Amino acid sequence: PIYESQIEFYNGIAYPYGYVNTPEGLRLDFNAIKEGIKRGAKHIFYNNYNNPTGASSPVEEMECLAKLVVENDMFLISDDAYFDTLYDGTPKSIASLPGMYERTLTMYTFSKKFAMTGWRLGGAIGPEEIIEQITRLNVNMESCTTHFVQYAGVAGLNAPKSETQEILDRLQGRRDILVKILNGIEGVEAHMPEAGFYVFPKITDLLQKLGFNDGEEFRKMVLKETGVSFCGRHHFGRPLESETDSYIRLAFSGIGKDDLQEGMNLFRNWIDSNTK
């Protein structure tokens, strides 16, 4: 979901923050977060194991964010959709940090770990008064999740870890191929995603080399002439005033290695034939 548009739909005021490109990967822009707090923000949406960037907060970064929440008496909504798609290490919830359990609403979905996208099964953990309101709205909006989906969710929870690990292993293989190909294209810079199934490469230099001033024009041209589809940065909220670089998001979730290789060959050949 695009939090910015959701907030504005309900007449709230959004103070978006982004990520900073570092040698270690994309990291939270704490200057923007602090500015939002200064301007009156009361809640923070936090999507660790992030879509679209694939970024994962180191413990120090998570602790810094938690400190800001506690010190400013805020409430945090933790979107943990990709919690179980961390490739290396053990995922950590910000709600586990001191002072954060009572200040956090954790949202989870079965879509990612169990490959149940479209079945719309998920859950939330948080303070009782928040969960009561979610329950009241949910009962009136949809009554309950349809039964066969509930049974599928139970089957997923009871499945041996090897089954879901196999999914993650397949994704990791695709990830490694995609990042290697992207970083072999002049003008493209792709960090290795730490979680999820998206790559978020910077294409600023590539656009300049190809003579594009608009990333959306580039995206549509590639789709039309190669059939290769990806999202632009603007699909994930309005670009911030401080942003100067261009990014795209490529997904490797629903595509096999052979098709992935074929698509990227088409993409790379198109770039070569259009280089000025």
Protein backbone atom coordinates (compact mmCIF):
# COMPACT_ATOMS: atom_id res chain seq x y z
CA PRO A 1 0.00 0.00 0.00
CA ILE A 2 1.01 3.60 -0.53
CA TYR A 3 0.73 5.07 2.95
CA GLU A 4 0.86 8.64 1.74
CA SER A 5 -2.31 8.35 -0.35
CA GLN A 6 -4.11 6.40 2.38
CA ILE A 7 -3.37 9.09 4.94
CA GLU A 8 -4.51 11.84 2.61
CA PHE A 9 -7.68 9.91 1.68
CA TYR A 10 -8.72 10.12 5.33
CA ASN A 11 -7.80 13.83 5.48
CA GLY A 12 -4.62 13.25 7.42
CA ILE A 13 -1.32 15.02 6.81
CA ALA A 14 1.51 12.88 5.49
CA TYR A 15 5.20 13.69 5.99
CA PRO A 16 6.94 11.20 3.68
CA TYR A 17 10.47 10.00 4.29
CA GLY A 18 12.73 7.98 2.06
CA TYR A 19 16.03 6.16 1.97
CA VAL A 20 19.64 7.25 1.62
CA ASN A 21 21.88 5.44 -0.84
CA THR A 22 25.00 4.22 1.01
CA PRO A 23 27.80 1.75 0.16
CA GLU A 24 26.13 -0.70 2.57
CA GLY A 25 22.74 -0.37 0.89
CA LEU A 26 19.66 1.82 1.21
CA ARG A 27 19.17 3.17 4.74
CA LEU A 28 16.41 5.17 6.43
CA ASP A 29 16.60 8.93 5.94
CA PHE A 30 16.55 10.01 9.57
CA ASN A 31 16.81 13.68 8.65
CA ALA A 32 13.46 13.41 6.85
CA ILE A 33 11.94 11.40 9.71
CA LYS A 34 13.04 13.96 12.29
CA GLU A 35 11.71 16.77 10.13
CA GLY A 36 8.33 15.04 9.95
CA ILE A 37 8.25 14.70 13.73
CA LYS A 38 9.21 18.35 14.09
CA ARG A 39 6.28 19.28 11.84
CA GLY A 40 3.82 17.37 14.00
CA ALA A 41 3.77 13.71 12.94
CA LYS A 42 2.19 11.46 15.58
CA HIS A 43 2.51 8.07 13.86
CA ILE A 44 5.20 6.40 11.80
CA PHE A 45 4.64 3.77 9.11
CA TYR A 46 7.66 1.46 9.03
CA ASN A 47 8.09 -1.21 6.38
CA ASN A 48 11.25 -3.09 7.28
CA TYR A 49 12.34 -5.78 4.81
CA ASN A 50 11.12 -3.13 2.48
CA ASN A 51 9.07 -3.02 -0.69
CA PRO A 52 10.23 -1.66 -3.15
CA THR A 53 13.87 -1.34 -2.04
CA GLY A 54 14.57 -4.76 -0.52
CA ALA A 55 16.32 -2.91 2.33
CA SER A 56 16.65 -4.38 5.82
CA SER A 57 17.34 -2.22 8.86
CA PRO A 58 20.45 -3.16 10.83
CA VAL A 59 19.78 -3.46 14.56
CA GLU A 60 21.36 -0.05 15.19
CA GLU A 61 19.03 1.61 12.68
CA MET A 62 15.97 -0.07 14.21
CA GLU A 63 17.06 0.99 17.69
CA CYS A 64 17.51 4.59 16.52
CA LEU A 65 13.98 4.62 15.09
CA ALA A 66 12.54 3.10 18.26
CA LYS A 67 14.29 5.73 20.35
CA LEU A 68 12.66 8.50 18.31
CA VAL A 69 9.23 6.90 18.73
CA VAL A 70 9.57 6.56 22.50
CA GLU A 71 11.14 9.97 23.08
CA ASN A 72 8.42 11.72 21.07
CA ASP A 73 5.54 9.66 22.49
CA MET A 74 4.55 8.35 19.05
CA PHE A 75 2.81 5.24 17.73
CA LEU A 76 4.34 3.02 15.03
CA ILE A 77 2.63 0.86 12.41
CA SER A 78 5.03 -1.90 11.42
CA ASP A 79 4.23 -3.39 8.01
CA ASP A 80 5.88 -6.81 8.32
CA ALA A 81 4.64 -8.29 5.05
CA TYR A 82 8.15 -9.48 4.12
CA PHE A 83 9.25 -10.42 7.65
CA ASP A 84 9.88 -14.06 6.69
CA THR A 85 11.70 -13.32 3.43
CA LEU A 86 15.03 -12.24 4.93
CA TYR A 87 17.76 -14.13 3.06
CA ASP A 88 20.50 -14.06 5.69
CA GLY A 89 20.20 -13.87 9.46
CA THR A 90 17.12 -13.83 11.67
CA PRO A 91 14.34 -11.27 11.18
CA LYS A 92 13.73 -8.93 14.09
CA SER A 93 10.56 -7.05 15.01
CA ILE A 94 10.81 -3.45 16.20
CA ALA A 95 8.03 -4.33 18.68
CA SER A 96 10.58 -6.45 20.56
CA LEU A 97 12.68 -3.41 21.50
CA PRO A 98 12.29 -1.71 24.92
CA GLY A 99 9.22 0.50 25.14
CA MET A 100 7.93 -0.47 21.70
CA TYR A 101 5.49 -3.34 22.26
CA GLU A 102 2.74 -1.07 23.56
CA ARG A 103 3.52 1.52 20.86
CA THR A 104 3.43 -0.79 17.83
CA LEU A 105 0.74 -2.22 15.59
CA THR A 106 2.32 -5.12 13.68
CA MET A 107 0.67 -6.11 10.41
CA TYR A 108 1.40 -9.44 8.75
CA THR A 109 0.26 -11.24 5.60
CA PHE A 110 0.37 -14.86 4.47
CA SER A 111 0.87 -13.68 0.87
CA LYS A 112 4.66 -13.65 0.86
CA LYS A 113 6.04 -16.51 2.94
CA PHE A 114 3.35 -18.96 1.83
CA ALA A 115 2.97 -17.68 -1.76
CA MET A 116 -0.73 -16.95 -1.15
CA THR A 117 -0.83 -13.63 -2.98
CA GLY A 118 -4.42 -12.69 -3.81
CA TRP A 119 -5.93 -14.88 -1.08
CA ARG A 120 -5.98 -11.85 1.24
CA LEU A 121 -5.16 -13.55 4.52
CA GLY A 122 -3.31 -11.68 7.23
CA GLY A 123 -3.39 -10.50 10.80
CA ALA A 124 -2.42 -7.76 13.21
CA ILE A 125 -0.93 -7.64 16.69
CA GLY A 126 -1.13 -4.54 18.85
CA PRO A 127 -2.67 -2.80 21.85
CA GLU A 128 -6.11 -4.11 22.77
CA GLU A 129 -7.90 -0.82 22.08
CA ILE A 130 -6.49 -0.75 18.53
CA ILE A 131 -7.31 -4.38 17.79
CA GLU A 132 -10.87 -3.86 19.03
CA GLN A 133 -11.39 -1.15 16.41
CA ILE A 134 -9.83 -3.28 13.67
CA THR A 135 -12.15 -6.15 14.62
CA ARG A 136 -15.21 -3.90 14.61
CA LEU A 137 -14.39 -2.56 11.14
CA ASN A 138 -13.42 -5.96 9.77
CA VAL A 139 -16.63 -7.67 10.90
CA ASN A 140 -18.75 -5.00 9.24
CA MET A 141 -16.70 -4.80 6.04
CA GLU A 142 -16.12 -8.48 5.21
CA SER A 143 -17.54 -10.59 8.08
CA CYS A 144 -14.64 -13.07 7.89
CA THR A 145 -12.04 -14.54 5.58
CA THR A 146 -13.60 -17.28 3.47
CA HIS A 147 -13.20 -20.75 5.00
CA PHE A 148 -11.00 -22.45 2.41
CA VAL A 149 -8.48 -19.61 2.73
CA GLN A 150 -8.43 -20.03 6.50
CA TYR A 151 -7.73 -23.75 6.11
CA ALA A 152 -4.93 -22.95 3.66
CA GLY A 153 -3.43 -20.57 6.20
CA VAL A 154 -3.50 -23.25 8.90
CA ALA A 155 -1.86 -25.70 6.49
CA GLY A 156 0.88 -23.14 5.86
CA LEU A 157 1.50 -22.60 9.56
CA ASN A 158 1.71 -26.35 10.16
CA ALA A 159 3.90 -27.08 7.14
CA PRO A 160 7.52 -28.10 7.71
CA LYS A 161 10.00 -25.27 7.42
CA SER A 162 11.66 -27.03 4.48
CA GLU A 163 8.66 -26.22 2.27
CA THR A 164 8.77 -22.47 2.79
CA GLN A 165 12.58 -22.50 2.80
CA GLU A 166 12.44 -24.02 -0.69
CA ILE A 167 10.47 -20.98 -1.86
CA LEU A 168 13.05 -18.64 -0.33
CA ASP A 169 15.92 -20.59 -1.89
CA ARG A 170 14.34 -20.30 -5.33
CA LEU A 171 13.86 -16.58 -4.86
CA GLN A 172 17.47 -16.16 -3.78
CA GLY A 173 18.69 -17.87 -6.93
CA ARG A 174 16.60 -15.53 -9.11
CA ARG A 175 17.71 -12.53 -7.07
CA ASP A 176 21.39 -13.29 -7.58
CA ILE A 177 20.96 -13.69 -11.36
CA LEU A 178 18.98 -10.46 -11.70
CA VAL A 179 21.35 -8.31 -9.64
CA LYS A 180 24.39 -9.65 -11.51
CA ILE A 181 22.82 -8.83 -14.89
CA LEU A 182 21.71 -5.35 -13.80
CA ASN A 183 25.12 -4.43 -12.42
CA GLY A 184 26.63 -5.54 -15.73
CA ILE A 185 24.69 -2.81 -17.56
CA GLU A 186 26.51 0.50 -17.81
CA GLY A 187 24.61 3.23 -15.97
CA VAL A 188 22.75 0.86 -13.62
CA GLU A 189 23.55 0.42 -9.93
CA ALA A 190 21.71 -2.30 -8.01
CA HIS A 191 22.14 -3.18 -4.34
CA MET A 192 21.63 -6.82 -3.43
CA PRO A 193 18.15 -7.01 -1.83
CA GLU A 194 18.38 -8.25 1.74
CA ALA A 195 14.74 -9.37 1.82
CA GLY A 196 11.64 -9.63 -0.34
CA PHE A 197 11.57 -10.31 -4.06
CA TYR A 198 12.27 -6.95 -5.65
CA VAL A 199 15.35 -5.20 -6.96
CA PHE A 200 15.40 -1.38 -6.86
CA PRO A 201 18.25 -0.27 -9.14
CA LYS A 202 19.33 3.31 -9.66
CA ILE A 203 19.17 4.19 -13.36
CA THR A 204 20.06 7.89 -13.32
CA ASP A 205 23.15 7.48 -15.49
CA LEU A 206 21.39 5.04 -17.82
CA LEU A 207 18.59 7.51 -18.55
CA GLN A 208 21.14 10.21 -19.29
CA LYS A 209 23.07 7.89 -21.59
CA LEU A 210 19.90 6.97 -23.50
CA GLY A 211 18.68 10.56 -23.70
CA PHE A 212 15.60 10.19 -21.49
CA ASN A 213 14.53 13.04 -19.21
CA ASP A 214 11.53 11.15 -17.86
CA GLY A 215 11.71 7.75 -16.18
CA GLU A 216 8.08 7.00 -16.99
CA GLU A 217 8.69 7.60 -20.69
CA PHE A 218 11.61 5.17 -20.45
CA ARG A 219 9.49 2.55 -18.66
CA LYS A 220 6.69 2.68 -21.25
CA MET A 221 9.14 2.57 -24.16
CA VAL A 222 10.86 -0.53 -22.78
CA LEU A 223 7.49 -2.25 -22.25
CA LYS A 224 6.29 -1.41 -25.74
CA GLU A 225 9.45 -2.46 -27.57
CA THR A 226 10.60 -5.45 -25.50
CA GLY A 227 7.63 -6.66 -23.45
CA VAL A 228 9.71 -6.29 -20.28
CA SER A 229 7.64 -4.76 -17.50
CA PHE A 230 8.73 -3.04 -14.29
CA CYS A 231 7.53 -0.28 -11.96
CA GLY A 232 8.87 3.23 -11.65
CA ARG A 233 9.75 5.07 -8.46
CA HIS A 234 6.56 7.13 -8.73
CA HIS A 235 4.43 4.01 -8.26
CA PHE A 236 5.43 4.07 -4.59
CA GLY A 237 4.40 7.58 -3.58
CA ARG A 238 5.26 11.02 -4.88
CA PRO A 239 9.00 11.58 -5.23
CA LEU A 240 10.43 13.76 -2.46
CA GLU A 241 11.79 17.23 -3.19
CA SER A 242 15.24 16.07 -2.11
CA GLU A 243 15.35 13.20 -4.61
CA THR A 244 17.69 13.66 -7.56
CA ASP A 245 18.14 10.07 -8.73
CA SER A 246 15.86 7.80 -10.76
CA TYR A 247 14.95 4.24 -9.75
CA ILE A 248 12.89 1.37 -11.11
CA ARG A 249 11.58 -1.75 -9.37
CA LEU A 250 11.84 -5.21 -10.90
CA ALA A 251 10.07 -8.22 -9.36
CA PHE A 252 11.48 -11.75 -9.48
CA SER A 253 8.68 -13.53 -7.60
CA GLY A 254 6.54 -15.05 -10.35
CA ILE A 255 9.13 -15.84 -13.00
CA GLY A 256 11.53 -18.74 -13.53
CA LYS A 257 15.25 -18.39 -14.12
CA ASP A 258 15.03 -19.05 -17.86
CA ASP A 259 12.31 -16.46 -18.42
CA LEU A 260 14.15 -14.03 -16.19
CA GLN A 261 17.31 -14.46 -18.23
CA GLU A 262 15.39 -14.08 -21.49
CA GLY A 263 13.68 -10.89 -20.32
CA MET A 264 16.89 -9.32 -19.13
CA ASN A 265 18.62 -10.21 -22.39
CA LEU A 266 15.86 -8.36 -24.24
CA PHE A 267 16.27 -5.42 -21.87
CA ARG A 268 20.05 -5.32 -22.24
CA ASN A 269 19.94 -5.68 -26.03
CA TRP A 270 17.39 -2.87 -26.27
CA ILE A 271 19.67 -0.63 -24.24
CA ASP A 272 22.64 -1.46 -26.45
CA SER A 273 20.69 -0.71 -29.63
CA ASN A 274 19.43 2.63 -28.27
CA THR A 275 22.63 3.92 -26.71
CA LYS A 276 23.45 7.30 -28.21
